[in-house]
Amino acid sequence: MQLDATDLKILQALQADGRVSNLELAEKVFLSPSSCLRRVRMLEEAGIISRYSAVLDATKLGLEVDAFVQVTMRRDVEQWHENFSQALQNWPEVVGSYIITGDANYLLRVRARNLKHYSSFVLERLYKTTGVLDIRSNIVLQVIKDTNDIAPDLMADGK
């Protein structure tokens, strides 16, 4: 789908406030409400807008530990990738998981109530998963930037 300037304005507005009414959105991007709704539906159908959600404050919810964890797997274990990928689907502490380049196989973002909870997660779940060879944790001390927003400059034409 080729995006024009109006599509980019719609995406930027929805990233800033996913609860904006169609009428307000249409006013912000200078379209009629019906044209705006039609464009939003096309963006959804094309998968450019994949979902709407609320951003929660993990600290206010009692999650004091935020960690990035590199996991290296033993390659001699049969179906190590499938087994690990399936296991982490059941771990609520894992809020992000990525296959990465470099020495490790995976990078996990883990949230925990406190260090005791985090330690229990590492010792009782990660280390006990078949095929795990090495775990390296990086505890977040301070967040400088944390967003899922995609800047309009990055959206246009893939340039």
N, C-alpha and C. Protein backbone atom coordinates (compact mmCIF):
# COMPACT_ATOMS: atom_id res chain seq x y z
N MET A 1 0.85 -1.18 0.00
CA MET A 1 0.00 0.00 0.00
C MET A 1 0.89 1.24 0.00
N GLN A 2 0.66 2.13 -0.91
CA GLN A 2 1.40 3.38 -1.00
C GLN A 2 0.76 4.39 -0.05
N LEU A 3 1.56 4.94 0.87
CA LEU A 3 1.05 5.92 1.83
C LEU A 3 1.29 7.33 1.33
N ASP A 4 0.27 8.18 1.48
CA ASP A 4 0.45 9.58 1.13
C ASP A 4 0.58 10.40 2.42
N ALA A 5 0.72 11.71 2.27
CA ALA A 5 0.92 12.59 3.43
C ALA A 5 -0.25 12.52 4.40
N THR A 6 -1.46 12.39 3.89
CA THR A 6 -2.64 12.30 4.77
C THR A 6 -2.62 11.01 5.57
N ASP A 7 -2.26 9.90 4.94
CA ASP A 7 -2.15 8.63 5.66
C ASP A 7 -1.14 8.76 6.80
N LEU A 8 -0.01 9.40 6.51
CA LEU A 8 1.02 9.57 7.54
C LEU A 8 0.52 10.43 8.70
N LYS A 9 -0.27 11.45 8.39
CA LYS A 9 -0.85 12.30 9.45
C LYS A 9 -1.83 11.48 10.29
N ILE A 10 -2.61 10.64 9.65
CA ILE A 10 -3.55 9.78 10.38
C ILE A 10 -2.79 8.85 11.31
N LEU A 11 -1.74 8.22 10.80
CA LEU A 11 -0.95 7.30 11.63
C LEU A 11 -0.30 8.02 12.80
N GLN A 12 0.23 9.20 12.56
CA GLN A 12 0.86 9.96 13.63
C GLN A 12 -0.17 10.34 14.70
N ALA A 13 -1.34 10.77 14.27
CA ALA A 13 -2.38 11.15 15.23
C ALA A 13 -2.86 9.95 16.04
N LEU A 14 -3.01 8.80 15.40
CA LEU A 14 -3.46 7.60 16.12
C LEU A 14 -2.39 7.08 17.08
N GLN A 15 -1.11 7.22 16.72
CA GLN A 15 -0.05 6.84 17.66
C GLN A 15 -0.08 7.71 18.90
N ALA A 16 -0.38 8.99 18.73
CA ALA A 16 -0.42 9.91 19.86
C ALA A 16 -1.64 9.67 20.74
N ASP A 17 -2.76 9.28 20.10
CA ASP A 17 -4.00 9.05 20.85
C ASP A 17 -4.86 8.06 20.09
N GLY A 18 -4.75 6.79 20.45
CA GLY A 18 -5.52 5.74 19.78
C GLY A 18 -7.00 5.78 20.09
N ARG A 19 -7.39 6.61 21.06
CA ARG A 19 -8.81 6.71 21.43
C ARG A 19 -9.49 7.91 20.80
N VAL A 20 -8.79 8.64 19.97
CA VAL A 20 -9.37 9.82 19.33
C VAL A 20 -10.60 9.39 18.53
N SER A 21 -11.65 10.20 18.59
CA SER A 21 -12.85 9.87 17.81
C SER A 21 -12.57 10.10 16.33
N ASN A 22 -13.34 9.45 15.50
CA ASN A 22 -13.18 9.62 14.06
C ASN A 22 -13.41 11.07 13.67
N LEU A 23 -14.36 11.73 14.31
CA LEU A 23 -14.65 13.13 14.01
C LEU A 23 -13.44 14.02 14.33
N GLU A 24 -12.85 13.82 15.51
CA GLU A 24 -11.66 14.59 15.89
C GLU A 24 -10.49 14.29 14.95
N LEU A 25 -10.31 13.03 14.63
CA LEU A 25 -9.23 12.64 13.73
C LEU A 25 -9.41 13.28 12.36
N ALA A 26 -10.61 13.25 11.85
CA ALA A 26 -10.91 13.85 10.54
C ALA A 26 -10.58 15.35 10.55
N GLU A 27 -10.92 16.02 11.64
CA GLU A 27 -10.61 17.46 11.75
C GLU A 27 -9.10 17.69 11.77
N LYS A 28 -8.37 16.83 12.48
CA LYS A 28 -6.91 16.99 12.59
C LYS A 28 -6.21 16.82 11.25
N VAL A 29 -6.75 15.94 10.40
CA VAL A 29 -6.08 15.65 9.12
C VAL A 29 -6.80 16.28 7.92
N PHE A 30 -7.79 17.13 8.21
CA PHE A 30 -8.51 17.90 7.19
C PHE A 30 -9.21 17.01 6.16
N LEU A 31 -9.97 16.04 6.68
CA LEU A 31 -10.79 15.16 5.83
C LEU A 31 -12.22 15.18 6.35
N SER A 32 -13.14 14.73 5.51
CA SER A 32 -14.50 14.50 6.00
C SER A 32 -14.46 13.26 6.87
N PRO A 33 -15.37 13.14 7.83
CA PRO A 33 -15.38 11.94 8.68
C PRO A 33 -15.48 10.64 7.89
N SER A 34 -16.27 10.61 6.83
CA SER A 34 -16.41 9.36 6.06
C SER A 34 -15.11 9.02 5.32
N SER A 35 -14.43 10.02 4.76
CA SER A 35 -13.15 9.76 4.08
C SER A 35 -12.09 9.31 5.08
N CYS A 36 -12.11 9.93 6.25
CA CYS A 36 -11.13 9.57 7.28
C CYS A 36 -11.34 8.13 7.73
N LEU A 37 -12.59 7.78 8.00
CA LEU A 37 -12.89 6.42 8.44
C LEU A 37 -12.51 5.40 7.37
N ARG A 38 -12.77 5.71 6.12
CA ARG A 38 -12.40 4.82 5.01
C ARG A 38 -10.88 4.60 4.97
N ARG A 39 -10.11 5.67 5.16
CA ARG A 39 -8.65 5.54 5.16
C ARG A 39 -8.16 4.73 6.35
N VAL A 40 -8.73 4.96 7.52
CA VAL A 40 -8.33 4.19 8.71
C VAL A 40 -8.62 2.71 8.49
N ARG A 41 -9.78 2.39 7.94
CA ARG A 41 -10.13 0.99 7.67
C ARG A 41 -9.15 0.37 6.68
N MET A 42 -8.73 1.13 5.66
CA MET A 42 -7.76 0.60 4.68
C MET A 42 -6.41 0.35 5.35
N LEU A 43 -6.00 1.25 6.24
CA LEU A 43 -4.74 1.06 6.97
C LEU A 43 -4.82 -0.17 7.88
N GLU A 44 -5.97 -0.40 8.48
CA GLU A 44 -6.17 -1.59 9.31
C GLU A 44 -6.15 -2.86 8.45
N GLU A 45 -6.88 -2.85 7.35
CA GLU A 45 -6.94 -4.02 6.48
C GLU A 45 -5.59 -4.36 5.87
N ALA A 46 -4.77 -3.35 5.61
CA ALA A 46 -3.43 -3.58 5.06
C ALA A 46 -2.45 -4.05 6.12
N GLY A 47 -2.89 -4.04 7.38
CA GLY A 47 -2.03 -4.49 8.47
C GLY A 47 -1.05 -3.43 8.95
N ILE A 48 -1.14 -2.21 8.42
CA ILE A 48 -0.26 -1.14 8.87
C ILE A 48 -0.64 -0.76 10.30
N ILE A 49 -1.92 -0.69 10.58
CA ILE A 49 -2.40 -0.57 11.96
C ILE A 49 -2.75 -1.98 12.39
N SER A 50 -1.94 -2.54 13.29
CA SER A 50 -2.15 -3.94 13.65
C SER A 50 -3.05 -4.11 14.88
N ARG A 51 -3.10 -3.08 15.76
CA ARG A 51 -3.97 -3.17 16.93
C ARG A 51 -3.97 -1.83 17.64
N TYR A 52 -4.88 -1.70 18.59
CA TYR A 52 -4.96 -0.53 19.45
C TYR A 52 -4.75 -1.01 20.88
N SER A 53 -4.06 -0.21 21.68
CA SER A 53 -3.82 -0.64 23.06
C SER A 53 -3.61 0.55 23.97
N ALA A 54 -3.61 0.28 25.27
CA ALA A 54 -3.30 1.29 26.28
C ALA A 54 -1.87 1.06 26.74
N VAL A 55 -1.16 2.12 27.03
CA VAL A 55 0.21 2.04 27.54
C VAL A 55 0.12 2.11 29.06
N LEU A 56 0.57 1.06 29.73
CA LEU A 56 0.49 0.98 31.18
C LEU A 56 1.82 1.37 31.82
N ASP A 57 1.76 1.95 33.00
CA ASP A 57 2.96 2.30 33.75
C ASP A 57 3.32 1.11 34.63
N ALA A 58 4.34 0.36 34.23
CA ALA A 58 4.73 -0.87 34.93
C ALA A 58 5.11 -0.59 36.39
N THR A 59 5.81 0.51 36.63
CA THR A 59 6.25 0.84 37.99
C THR A 59 5.04 1.06 38.90
N LYS A 60 4.05 1.78 38.41
CA LYS A 60 2.85 2.04 39.21
C LYS A 60 2.04 0.77 39.44
N LEU A 61 2.28 -0.24 38.62
CA LEU A 61 1.61 -1.52 38.79
C LEU A 61 2.43 -2.48 39.66
N GLY A 62 3.54 -1.99 40.22
CA GLY A 62 4.33 -2.79 41.14
C GLY A 62 5.43 -3.61 40.50
N LEU A 63 5.74 -3.35 39.24
CA LEU A 63 6.81 -4.08 38.57
C LEU A 63 8.07 -3.23 38.62
N GLU A 64 8.92 -3.50 39.59
CA GLU A 64 10.10 -2.68 39.84
C GLU A 64 11.30 -3.07 38.98
N VAL A 65 11.35 -4.29 38.49
CA VAL A 65 12.51 -4.76 37.73
C VAL A 65 12.16 -4.86 36.25
N ASP A 66 13.02 -4.24 35.45
CA ASP A 66 12.94 -4.29 34.00
C ASP A 66 14.31 -4.77 33.54
N ALA A 67 14.36 -5.90 32.84
CA ALA A 67 15.66 -6.47 32.45
C ALA A 67 15.64 -6.90 30.99
N PHE A 68 16.81 -6.78 30.37
CA PHE A 68 17.03 -7.34 29.05
C PHE A 68 17.95 -8.53 29.24
N VAL A 69 17.52 -9.67 28.73
CA VAL A 69 18.21 -10.93 29.01
C VAL A 69 18.60 -11.59 27.69
N GLN A 70 19.90 -11.84 27.55
CA GLN A 70 20.40 -12.57 26.39
C GLN A 70 20.44 -14.05 26.74
N VAL A 71 19.87 -14.87 25.88
CA VAL A 71 19.83 -16.31 26.10
C VAL A 71 20.55 -17.00 24.94
N THR A 72 21.52 -17.84 25.30
CA THR A 72 22.24 -18.64 24.31
C THR A 72 21.83 -20.09 24.49
N MET A 73 21.55 -20.73 23.37
CA MET A 73 21.06 -22.11 23.40
C MET A 73 22.14 -23.10 22.98
N ARG A 74 22.00 -24.33 23.46
CA ARG A 74 22.85 -25.44 23.00
C ARG A 74 22.28 -25.91 21.67
N ARG A 75 23.12 -25.98 20.69
CA ARG A 75 22.65 -26.36 19.35
C ARG A 75 22.54 -27.87 19.17
N ASP A 76 23.07 -28.63 20.14
CA ASP A 76 23.00 -30.08 20.02
C ASP A 76 21.69 -30.65 20.57
N VAL A 77 20.82 -29.79 21.08
CA VAL A 77 19.52 -30.22 21.58
C VAL A 77 18.52 -30.14 20.44
N GLU A 78 17.84 -31.25 20.19
CA GLU A 78 16.88 -31.31 19.10
C GLU A 78 15.72 -30.34 19.32
N GLN A 79 15.34 -29.62 18.30
CA GLN A 79 14.24 -28.66 18.30
C GLN A 79 14.38 -27.60 19.41
N TRP A 80 15.62 -27.14 19.64
CA TRP A 80 15.85 -26.17 20.70
C TRP A 80 15.07 -24.88 20.47
N HIS A 81 14.99 -24.43 19.24
CA HIS A 81 14.27 -23.18 18.96
C HIS A 81 12.77 -23.34 19.20
N GLU A 82 12.19 -24.38 18.68
CA GLU A 82 10.75 -24.61 18.83
C GLU A 82 10.38 -24.75 20.30
N ASN A 83 11.19 -25.54 21.05
CA ASN A 83 10.90 -25.76 22.47
C ASN A 83 11.00 -24.47 23.28
N PHE A 84 12.05 -23.68 23.02
CA PHE A 84 12.23 -22.44 23.77
C PHE A 84 11.13 -21.43 23.41
N SER A 85 10.85 -21.30 22.12
CA SER A 85 9.80 -20.36 21.68
C SER A 85 8.46 -20.71 22.29
N GLN A 86 8.15 -21.98 22.38
CA GLN A 86 6.89 -22.42 22.96
C GLN A 86 6.87 -22.16 24.47
N ALA A 87 7.96 -22.43 25.14
CA ALA A 87 8.03 -22.24 26.60
C ALA A 87 7.82 -20.78 26.97
N LEU A 88 8.45 -19.86 26.26
CA LEU A 88 8.36 -18.47 26.66
C LEU A 88 6.98 -17.86 26.43
N GLN A 89 6.15 -18.52 25.63
CA GLN A 89 4.77 -18.04 25.45
C GLN A 89 3.98 -18.11 26.76
N ASN A 90 4.40 -18.99 27.67
CA ASN A 90 3.69 -19.17 28.94
C ASN A 90 4.30 -18.40 30.10
N TRP A 91 5.29 -17.58 29.83
CA TRP A 91 5.96 -16.81 30.88
C TRP A 91 5.46 -15.38 30.86
N PRO A 92 4.59 -14.99 31.78
CA PRO A 92 4.06 -13.62 31.77
C PRO A 92 5.14 -12.57 32.02
N GLU A 93 6.24 -12.95 32.62
CA GLU A 93 7.33 -12.00 32.87
C GLU A 93 7.99 -11.52 31.57
N VAL A 94 7.93 -12.34 30.53
CA VAL A 94 8.54 -11.98 29.25
C VAL A 94 7.56 -11.12 28.47
N VAL A 95 7.91 -9.82 28.31
CA VAL A 95 7.03 -8.89 27.60
C VAL A 95 7.51 -8.63 26.18
N GLY A 96 8.71 -9.11 25.84
CA GLY A 96 9.23 -9.00 24.49
C GLY A 96 10.25 -10.09 24.26
N SER A 97 10.26 -10.67 23.08
CA SER A 97 11.27 -11.69 22.77
C SER A 97 11.67 -11.55 21.31
N TYR A 98 12.97 -11.66 21.09
CA TYR A 98 13.52 -11.40 19.78
C TYR A 98 14.63 -12.39 19.46
N ILE A 99 14.68 -12.85 18.22
CA ILE A 99 15.83 -13.62 17.74
C ILE A 99 16.84 -12.57 17.29
N ILE A 100 18.09 -12.72 17.73
CA ILE A 100 19.08 -11.69 17.46
C ILE A 100 20.34 -12.25 16.81
N THR A 101 21.16 -11.35 16.30
CA THR A 101 22.47 -11.72 15.78
C THR A 101 23.47 -11.62 16.92
N GLY A 102 24.65 -12.15 16.72
CA GLY A 102 25.69 -12.07 17.74
C GLY A 102 25.85 -13.41 18.45
N ASP A 103 26.44 -13.37 19.63
CA ASP A 103 26.75 -14.59 20.37
C ASP A 103 25.51 -15.27 20.92
N ALA A 104 24.51 -14.50 21.35
CA ALA A 104 23.29 -15.08 21.92
C ALA A 104 22.28 -15.37 20.81
N ASN A 105 21.30 -16.19 21.13
CA ASN A 105 20.23 -16.51 20.18
C ASN A 105 19.00 -15.63 20.36
N TYR A 106 18.73 -15.25 21.61
CA TYR A 106 17.51 -14.49 21.90
C TYR A 106 17.82 -13.31 22.81
N LEU A 107 16.99 -12.28 22.68
CA LEU A 107 16.98 -11.18 23.62
C LEU A 107 15.57 -11.10 24.16
N LEU A 108 15.45 -11.18 25.48
CA LEU A 108 14.15 -11.12 26.13
C LEU A 108 14.05 -9.83 26.93
N ARG A 109 12.88 -9.23 26.95
CA ARG A 109 12.61 -8.14 27.88
C ARG A 109 11.72 -8.73 28.96
N VAL A 110 12.20 -8.64 30.19
CA VAL A 110 11.54 -9.30 31.32
C VAL A 110 11.13 -8.25 32.34
N ARG A 111 9.89 -8.34 32.82
CA ARG A 111 9.39 -7.48 33.89
C ARG A 111 9.11 -8.35 35.11
N ALA A 112 9.51 -7.86 36.27
CA ALA A 112 9.28 -8.61 37.52
C ALA A 112 8.94 -7.64 38.65
N ARG A 113 8.25 -8.16 39.67
CA ARG A 113 7.86 -7.33 40.81
C ARG A 113 9.06 -6.77 41.55
N ASN A 114 10.09 -7.61 41.70
CA ASN A 114 11.28 -7.22 42.46
C ASN A 114 12.41 -8.19 42.10
N LEU A 115 13.58 -8.00 42.72
CA LEU A 115 14.72 -8.87 42.39
C LEU A 115 14.48 -10.33 42.79
N LYS A 116 13.76 -10.54 43.88
CA LYS A 116 13.45 -11.91 44.29
C LYS A 116 12.60 -12.61 43.21
N HIS A 117 11.60 -11.93 42.72
CA HIS A 117 10.74 -12.47 41.67
C HIS A 117 11.56 -12.71 40.40
N TYR A 118 12.43 -11.75 40.04
CA TYR A 118 13.27 -11.91 38.86
C TYR A 118 14.21 -13.10 39.01
N SER A 119 14.83 -13.21 40.16
CA SER A 119 15.74 -14.33 40.43
C SER A 119 15.02 -15.66 40.31
N SER A 120 13.83 -15.73 40.85
CA SER A 120 13.02 -16.95 40.77
C SER A 120 12.70 -17.28 39.31
N PHE A 121 12.37 -16.27 38.52
CA PHE A 121 12.09 -16.49 37.10
C PHE A 121 13.31 -17.08 36.40
N VAL A 122 14.47 -16.49 36.64
CA VAL A 122 15.70 -16.97 35.98
C VAL A 122 16.04 -18.40 36.42
N LEU A 123 15.99 -18.65 37.72
CA LEU A 123 16.41 -19.96 38.24
C LEU A 123 15.39 -21.06 37.99
N GLU A 124 14.11 -20.74 38.11
CA GLU A 124 13.07 -21.77 38.01
C GLU A 124 12.50 -21.96 36.61
N ARG A 125 12.65 -20.98 35.77
CA ARG A 125 12.10 -21.11 34.41
C ARG A 125 13.20 -21.12 33.36
N LEU A 126 13.96 -20.03 33.28
CA LEU A 126 14.97 -19.96 32.22
C LEU A 126 15.99 -21.07 32.31
N TYR A 127 16.65 -21.18 33.47
CA TYR A 127 17.72 -22.18 33.59
C TYR A 127 17.20 -23.61 33.47
N LYS A 128 15.95 -23.84 33.77
CA LYS A 128 15.39 -25.19 33.71
C LYS A 128 14.83 -25.55 32.34
N THR A 129 14.92 -24.63 31.39
CA THR A 129 14.42 -24.90 30.04
C THR A 129 15.46 -25.69 29.27
N THR A 130 15.04 -26.80 28.71
CA THR A 130 15.95 -27.66 27.97
C THR A 130 16.64 -26.90 26.84
N GLY A 131 17.95 -27.01 26.80
CA GLY A 131 18.72 -26.41 25.73
C GLY A 131 19.37 -25.08 26.09
N VAL A 132 18.98 -24.47 27.23
CA VAL A 132 19.58 -23.19 27.59
C VAL A 132 21.02 -23.43 28.04
N LEU A 133 21.94 -22.71 27.42
CA LEU A 133 23.36 -22.83 27.73
C LEU A 133 23.85 -21.68 28.60
N ASP A 134 23.42 -20.45 28.26
CA ASP A 134 23.93 -19.27 28.96
C ASP A 134 22.87 -18.20 29.03
N ILE A 135 22.87 -17.46 30.13
CA ILE A 135 21.93 -16.35 30.34
C ILE A 135 22.74 -15.15 30.82
N ARG A 136 22.53 -14.02 30.17
CA ARG A 136 23.21 -12.78 30.59
C ARG A 136 22.15 -11.71 30.77
N SER A 137 22.06 -11.20 31.99
CA SER A 137 21.04 -10.21 32.33
C SER A 137 21.60 -8.80 32.36
N ASN A 138 20.81 -7.87 31.90
CA ASN A 138 21.10 -6.45 32.01
C ASN A 138 19.88 -5.80 32.66
N ILE A 139 20.05 -5.33 33.88
CA ILE A 139 18.95 -4.70 34.61
C ILE A 139 18.90 -3.22 34.23
N VAL A 140 17.72 -2.73 33.92
CA VAL A 140 17.54 -1.33 33.56
C VAL A 140 17.62 -0.49 34.83
N LEU A 141 18.51 0.49 34.83
CA LEU A 141 18.65 1.40 35.97
C LEU A 141 17.78 2.64 35.78
N GLN A 142 17.69 3.12 34.55
CA GLN A 142 16.89 4.30 34.25
C GLN A 142 16.49 4.25 32.79
N VAL A 143 15.25 4.59 32.51
CA VAL A 143 14.75 4.63 31.14
C VAL A 143 14.99 6.03 30.57
N ILE A 144 15.65 6.08 29.44
CA ILE A 144 15.89 7.35 28.76
C ILE A 144 14.85 7.56 27.66
N LYS A 145 14.59 6.51 26.90
CA LYS A 145 13.58 6.56 25.84
C LYS A 145 12.97 5.18 25.70
N ASP A 146 11.65 5.13 25.66
CA ASP A 146 10.94 3.85 25.51
C ASP A 146 9.64 4.14 24.77
N THR A 147 9.60 3.81 23.51
CA THR A 147 8.42 4.07 22.71
C THR A 147 8.26 3.00 21.64
N ASN A 148 7.05 2.76 21.26
CA ASN A 148 6.77 1.92 20.10
C ASN A 148 6.38 2.76 18.91
N ASP A 149 6.31 4.08 19.10
CA ASP A 149 5.92 4.98 18.01
C ASP A 149 6.95 4.94 16.89
N ILE A 150 6.45 5.01 15.68
CA ILE A 150 7.31 5.08 14.50
C ILE A 150 7.23 6.51 13.98
N ALA A 151 8.38 7.17 13.88
CA ALA A 151 8.42 8.55 13.43
C ALA A 151 7.97 8.66 11.98
N PRO A 152 7.23 9.72 11.65
CA PRO A 152 6.77 9.90 10.26
C PRO A 152 7.91 9.88 9.24
N ASP A 153 9.09 10.40 9.62
CA ASP A 153 10.23 10.40 8.70
C ASP A 153 10.63 8.98 8.29
N LEU A 154 10.40 8.02 9.18
CA LEU A 154 10.75 6.63 8.86
C LEU A 154 9.67 5.93 8.05
N MET A 155 8.47 6.47 8.04
CA MET A 155 7.35 5.84 7.34
C MET A 155 7.36 6.13 5.85
N ALA A 156 7.80 7.28 5.46
CA ALA A 156 7.64 7.74 4.08
C ALA A 156 8.57 6.99 3.12
N ASP A 157 8.00 6.31 2.18
CA ASP A 157 8.69 5.68 1.04
C ASP A 157 9.84 4.78 1.38
N GLY A 158 10.05 4.44 2.64
CA GLY A 158 11.16 3.58 3.02
C GLY A 158 12.52 4.21 2.81
N LYS A 159 12.59 5.54 2.68
CA LYS A 159 13.86 6.23 2.42
C LYS A 159 14.63 6.46 3.69
